[in-house]
Amino acid sequence: MTNYIAVVHKDFATEYGVSFPDFPGCVTGGSSLDEVKEIAIEALSGHIKTMQEFSEKIPRPSKLDDIIADPDYANSVLFIVVSISGLKSKIVRVNITLPEDVLHQIDVTAKNRGMSRSSFLTHAAQSLI
C-alpha cells in the first residue's frame, strides 16, 4: 500500500477543499471533514487509475514534513493520509557489493523482522530517500 497526503483547506463561507501535493490538478471538496475523507480517497484513486491507463508515471509520495514546511500549505486545516493499494513499480534485479559482515547483519535483521533481504533493503532505502 502506498500512502499519499491530502491537504484540506477551507476559506470562510466555503466548503472544504482537498488537493494532493504529489498530483497537481487532482482536487476535490466536500461539506464536512468526514465527507472530505471519503471523497479524497475516491478522487485520488480515480486520478491514479487514469494516469495508469495513459501509462503516466505515478510519483513517489512526498514526506509529510516537507509538505507541512511548504508555504503553499501554511493555512491548511488538516492533512489526511490516503492509502492506495495496487501500485506496483517494475522490479529490477541488481548486483551490489557489500562487506560480508554488513550483509550478515542485513540478513539477520531481515529474518528477525520476517522480511526478505530485498524487502529489508527496499524499506531501508525508502526510509532515507
Protein backbone atom coordinates (compact mmCIF):
# COMPACT_ATOMS: atom_id res chain seq x y z
CA MET A 1 0.00 0.00 0.00
CA THR A 2 1.25 3.49 -0.83
CA ASN A 3 0.36 6.48 1.33
CA TYR A 4 -0.15 9.95 -0.11
CA ILE A 5 -1.02 13.15 1.71
CA ALA A 6 -4.25 15.03 1.02
CA VAL A 7 -4.22 18.67 2.10
CA VAL A 8 -7.54 20.03 3.35
CA HIS A 9 -8.17 23.76 3.24
CA LYS A 10 -11.15 25.97 3.91
CA ASP A 11 -11.85 29.60 3.31
CA PHE A 12 -14.54 31.42 5.21
CA ALA A 13 -18.05 30.56 3.93
CA THR A 14 -16.86 27.81 1.58
CA GLU A 15 -16.84 24.04 1.60
CA TYR A 16 -13.66 22.14 2.40
CA GLY A 17 -11.25 21.81 -0.50
CA VAL A 18 -8.77 18.99 -0.94
CA SER A 19 -5.60 18.93 -3.01
CA PHE A 20 -2.75 16.48 -3.37
CA PRO A 21 0.79 17.91 -3.47
CA ASP A 22 2.03 14.88 -5.41
CA PHE A 23 -0.75 15.16 -8.01
CA PRO A 24 -1.21 18.73 -9.25
CA GLY A 25 -4.67 19.08 -10.74
CA CYS A 26 -6.24 16.39 -8.57
CA VAL A 27 -8.65 18.35 -6.39
CA THR A 28 -11.97 17.66 -4.73
CA GLY A 29 -14.08 19.00 -1.90
CA GLY A 30 -16.92 18.40 0.49
CA SER A 31 -19.13 19.97 3.10
CA SER A 32 -17.75 18.10 6.13
CA LEU A 33 -14.43 16.59 7.16
CA ASP A 34 -15.96 13.11 7.18
CA GLU A 35 -17.21 13.60 3.63
CA VAL A 36 -13.85 15.02 2.54
CA LYS A 37 -12.01 11.93 3.75
CA GLU A 38 -14.15 9.58 1.65
CA ILE A 39 -14.14 11.84 -1.38
CA ALA A 40 -10.35 12.26 -1.18
CA ILE A 41 -9.85 8.50 -1.44
CA GLU A 42 -12.17 8.28 -4.44
CA ALA A 43 -10.60 11.30 -6.17
CA LEU A 44 -7.02 10.09 -5.78
CA SER A 45 -7.86 6.51 -6.74
CA GLY A 46 -9.59 7.70 -9.90
CA HIS A 47 -6.78 10.10 -10.75
CA ILE A 48 -4.13 7.39 -10.39
CA LYS A 49 -6.21 4.91 -12.40
CA THR A 50 -6.44 7.42 -15.24
CA MET A 51 -2.70 8.07 -15.08
CA GLN A 52 -2.05 4.33 -15.29
CA GLU A 53 -4.38 3.97 -18.28
CA PHE A 54 -2.30 6.60 -20.08
CA SER A 55 0.98 4.99 -18.91
CA GLU A 56 1.93 8.08 -16.93
CA LYS A 57 4.50 7.75 -14.17
CA ILE A 58 3.00 7.67 -10.68
CA PRO A 59 5.05 9.91 -8.36
CA ARG A 60 6.62 8.73 -5.14
CA PRO A 61 4.84 10.08 -2.07
CA SER A 62 6.22 13.26 -0.57
CA LYS A 63 7.16 13.29 3.09
CA LEU A 64 4.64 14.91 5.42
CA ASP A 65 7.37 17.09 6.97
CA ASP A 66 8.18 18.51 3.52
CA ILE A 67 4.52 19.24 2.79
CA ILE A 68 3.98 20.94 6.15
CA ALA A 69 7.09 23.07 5.60
CA ASP A 70 5.83 24.23 2.18
CA PRO A 71 4.43 27.77 2.49
CA ASP A 72 1.69 26.90 -0.03
CA TYR A 73 0.11 24.71 2.65
CA ALA A 74 0.61 27.02 5.64
CA ASN A 75 -3.12 27.69 6.04
CA SER A 76 -4.20 24.06 5.76
CA VAL A 77 -6.91 22.84 8.10
CA LEU A 78 -5.94 19.18 8.05
CA PHE A 79 -3.62 16.65 6.44
CA ILE A 80 -5.13 13.25 5.59
CA VAL A 81 -3.17 10.12 4.75
CA VAL A 82 -4.77 8.44 1.75
CA SER A 83 -3.70 4.82 1.28
CA ILE A 84 -3.73 3.48 -2.27
CA SER A 85 -3.31 -0.22 -2.89
CA GLY A 86 -2.26 -1.92 -6.08
CA LEU A 87 0.53 0.46 -7.08
CA LYS A 88 3.45 -1.56 -8.27
CA SER A 89 6.75 -0.44 -9.61
CA LYS A 90 8.71 -2.55 -12.03
CA ILE A 91 11.02 -4.88 -10.12
CA VAL A 92 14.63 -4.73 -11.30
CA ARG A 93 17.32 -7.21 -10.34
CA VAL A 94 20.57 -5.55 -9.21
CA ASN A 95 24.01 -6.77 -8.27
CA ILE A 96 25.66 -4.92 -5.36
CA THR A 97 28.83 -5.37 -3.37
CA LEU A 98 28.76 -5.25 0.44
CA PRO A 99 31.18 -6.17 3.19
CA GLU A 100 30.44 -9.69 4.40
CA ASP A 101 29.72 -8.60 7.97
CA VAL A 102 27.24 -5.96 6.79
CA LEU A 103 25.47 -8.49 4.60
CA HIS A 104 25.25 -10.83 7.59
CA GLN A 105 23.74 -8.04 9.74
CA ILE A 106 21.21 -7.28 6.99
CA ASP A 107 20.23 -10.93 6.72
CA VAL A 108 19.85 -11.38 10.49
CA THR A 109 17.82 -8.19 10.86
CA ALA A 110 15.62 -9.03 7.88
CA LYS A 111 14.96 -12.52 9.23
CA ASN A 112 14.11 -11.15 12.69
CA ARG A 113 11.57 -8.82 11.08
CA GLY A 114 10.10 -11.56 8.90
CA MET A 115 11.38 -9.93 5.73
CA SER A 116 13.44 -11.00 2.76
CA ARG A 117 16.80 -9.36 2.13
CA SER A 118 15.35 -7.48 -0.84
CA SER A 119 12.35 -6.27 1.13
CA PHE A 120 14.54 -5.13 4.00
CA LEU A 121 16.90 -3.22 1.71
CA THR A 122 13.96 -1.64 -0.11
CA HIS A 123 12.36 -0.46 3.15
CA ALA A 124 15.70 0.81 4.48
CA ALA A 125 16.38 2.77 1.30
CA GLN A 126 12.85 4.23 1.19
CA SER A 127 13.19 5.50 4.74
CA LEU A 128 16.25 7.51 3.71
CA ILE A 129 15.04 8.84 0.36
